[in-house]
Amino acid sequence: MKGIDEDDAPLVALALSMDGDGIWSNDVHTREQNLVRVWTTDEILEELGSLEESS
């Protein structure tokens, strides 16, 4: 996180400590790290739409 946005470090650390599929953020700086997947609102809506279509 050094050199990206050190304010995002607690969010990334929390995500790393949990069993999940990433974090939800539209923050450009958070997306620059490669430790956890970062979902944007558009990506989540797209994913939810594809789940709804397959039901």
C-alpha atoms as a PDB file:
ATOM      1  CA  MET A   1       0.000   0.000   0.000  1.00  0.00           C
ATOM      2  CA  LYS A   2       3.003   2.250   0.341  1.00  0.00           C
ATOM      3  CA  GLY A   3       3.005   4.693  -2.512  1.00  0.00           C
ATOM      4  CA  ILE A   4      -0.654   4.074  -3.344  1.00  0.00           C
ATOM      5  CA  ASP A   5      -2.957   5.285  -0.555  1.00  0.00           C
ATOM      6  CA  GLU A   6      -1.932   4.320   2.942  1.00  0.00           C
ATOM      7  CA  ASP A   7      -5.403   5.285   4.243  1.00  0.00           C
ATOM      8  CA  ASP A   8      -6.738   2.184   2.431  1.00  0.00           C
ATOM      9  CA  ALA A   9      -4.398  -0.168   4.321  1.00  0.00           C
ATOM     10  CA  PRO A  10      -6.886  -1.001   7.139  1.00  0.00           C
ATOM     11  CA  LEU A  11      -9.571  -1.921   4.581  1.00  0.00           C
ATOM     12  CA  VAL A  12      -7.183  -4.171   2.669  1.00  0.00           C
ATOM     13  CA  ALA A  13      -5.885  -5.714   5.928  1.00  0.00           C
ATOM     14  CA  LEU A  14      -9.443  -6.495   7.021  1.00  0.00           C
ATOM     15  CA  ALA A  15     -10.216  -8.090   3.673  1.00  0.00           C
ATOM     16  CA  LEU A  16      -7.087 -10.226   3.920  1.00  0.00           C
ATOM     17  CA  SER A  17      -8.087 -11.415   7.391  1.00  0.00           C
ATOM     18  CA  MET A  18     -11.482 -12.679   6.209  1.00  0.00           C
ATOM     19  CA  ASP A  19     -12.620 -15.396   3.834  1.00  0.00           C
ATOM     20  CA  GLY A  20     -14.362 -13.404   1.135  1.00  0.00           C
ATOM     21  CA  ASP A  21     -14.395 -12.543  -2.535  1.00  0.00           C
ATOM     22  CA  GLY A  22     -12.899  -9.067  -2.214  1.00  0.00           C
ATOM     23  CA  ILE A  23     -14.057  -5.618  -1.223  1.00  0.00           C
ATOM     24  CA  TRP A  24     -16.484  -3.117  -2.690  1.00  0.00           C
ATOM     25  CA  SER A  25     -14.999   0.266  -3.482  1.00  0.00           C
ATOM     26  CA  ASN A  26     -15.083   2.838  -6.238  1.00  0.00           C
ATOM     27  CA  ASP A  27     -11.845   4.367  -4.954  1.00  0.00           C
ATOM     28  CA  VAL A  28      -9.293   4.404  -7.780  1.00  0.00           C
ATOM     29  CA  HIS A  29      -6.410   4.107  -5.321  1.00  0.00           C
ATOM     30  CA  THR A  30      -7.826   0.967  -3.725  1.00  0.00           C
ATOM     31  CA  ARG A  31      -7.979  -0.642  -7.172  1.00  0.00           C
ATOM     32  CA  GLU A  32      -4.250  -0.007  -7.686  1.00  0.00           C
ATOM     33  CA  GLN A  33      -3.259  -2.623  -5.099  1.00  0.00           C
ATOM     34  CA  ASN A  34      -3.217  -6.299  -6.071  1.00  0.00           C
ATOM     35  CA  LEU A  35      -3.646  -8.034  -2.714  1.00  0.00           C
ATOM     36  CA  VAL A  36      -7.439  -8.365  -2.764  1.00  0.00           C
ATOM     37  CA  ARG A  37     -10.038  -8.116  -5.489  1.00  0.00           C
ATOM     38  CA  VAL A  38     -11.837  -4.774  -5.605  1.00  0.00           C
ATOM     39  CA  TRP A  39     -15.371  -4.760  -6.945  1.00  0.00           C
ATOM     40  CA  THR A  40     -16.846  -1.509  -8.255  1.00  0.00           C
ATOM     41  CA  THR A  41     -20.544  -0.733  -7.979  1.00  0.00           C
ATOM     42  CA  ASP A  42     -20.935  -1.370 -11.711  1.00  0.00           C
ATOM     43  CA  GLU A  43     -19.255  -4.781 -11.408  1.00  0.00           C
ATOM     44  CA  ILE A  44     -21.510  -5.771  -8.513  1.00  0.00           C
ATOM     45  CA  LEU A  45     -24.626  -4.685 -10.382  1.00  0.00           C
ATOM     46  CA  GLU A  46     -23.461  -6.599 -13.447  1.00  0.00           C
ATOM     47  CA  GLU A  47     -22.835  -9.709 -11.355  1.00  0.00           C
ATOM     48  CA  LEU A  48     -26.216  -9.434  -9.649  1.00  0.00           C
ATOM     49  CA  GLY A  49     -27.882  -8.991 -13.033  1.00  0.00           C
ATOM     50  CA  SER A  50     -26.256 -12.156 -14.363  1.00  0.00           C
ATOM     51  CA  LEU A  51     -27.352 -14.067 -11.258  1.00  0.00           C
ATOM     52  CA  GLU A  52     -30.903 -12.831 -11.720  1.00  0.00           C
ATOM     53  CA  GLU A  53     -30.914 -13.873 -15.393  1.00  0.00           C
ATOM     54  CA  SER A  54     -29.744 -17.404 -14.545  1.00  0.00           C
ATOM     55  CA  SER A  55     -32.529 -17.933 -11.967  1.00  0.00           C
END
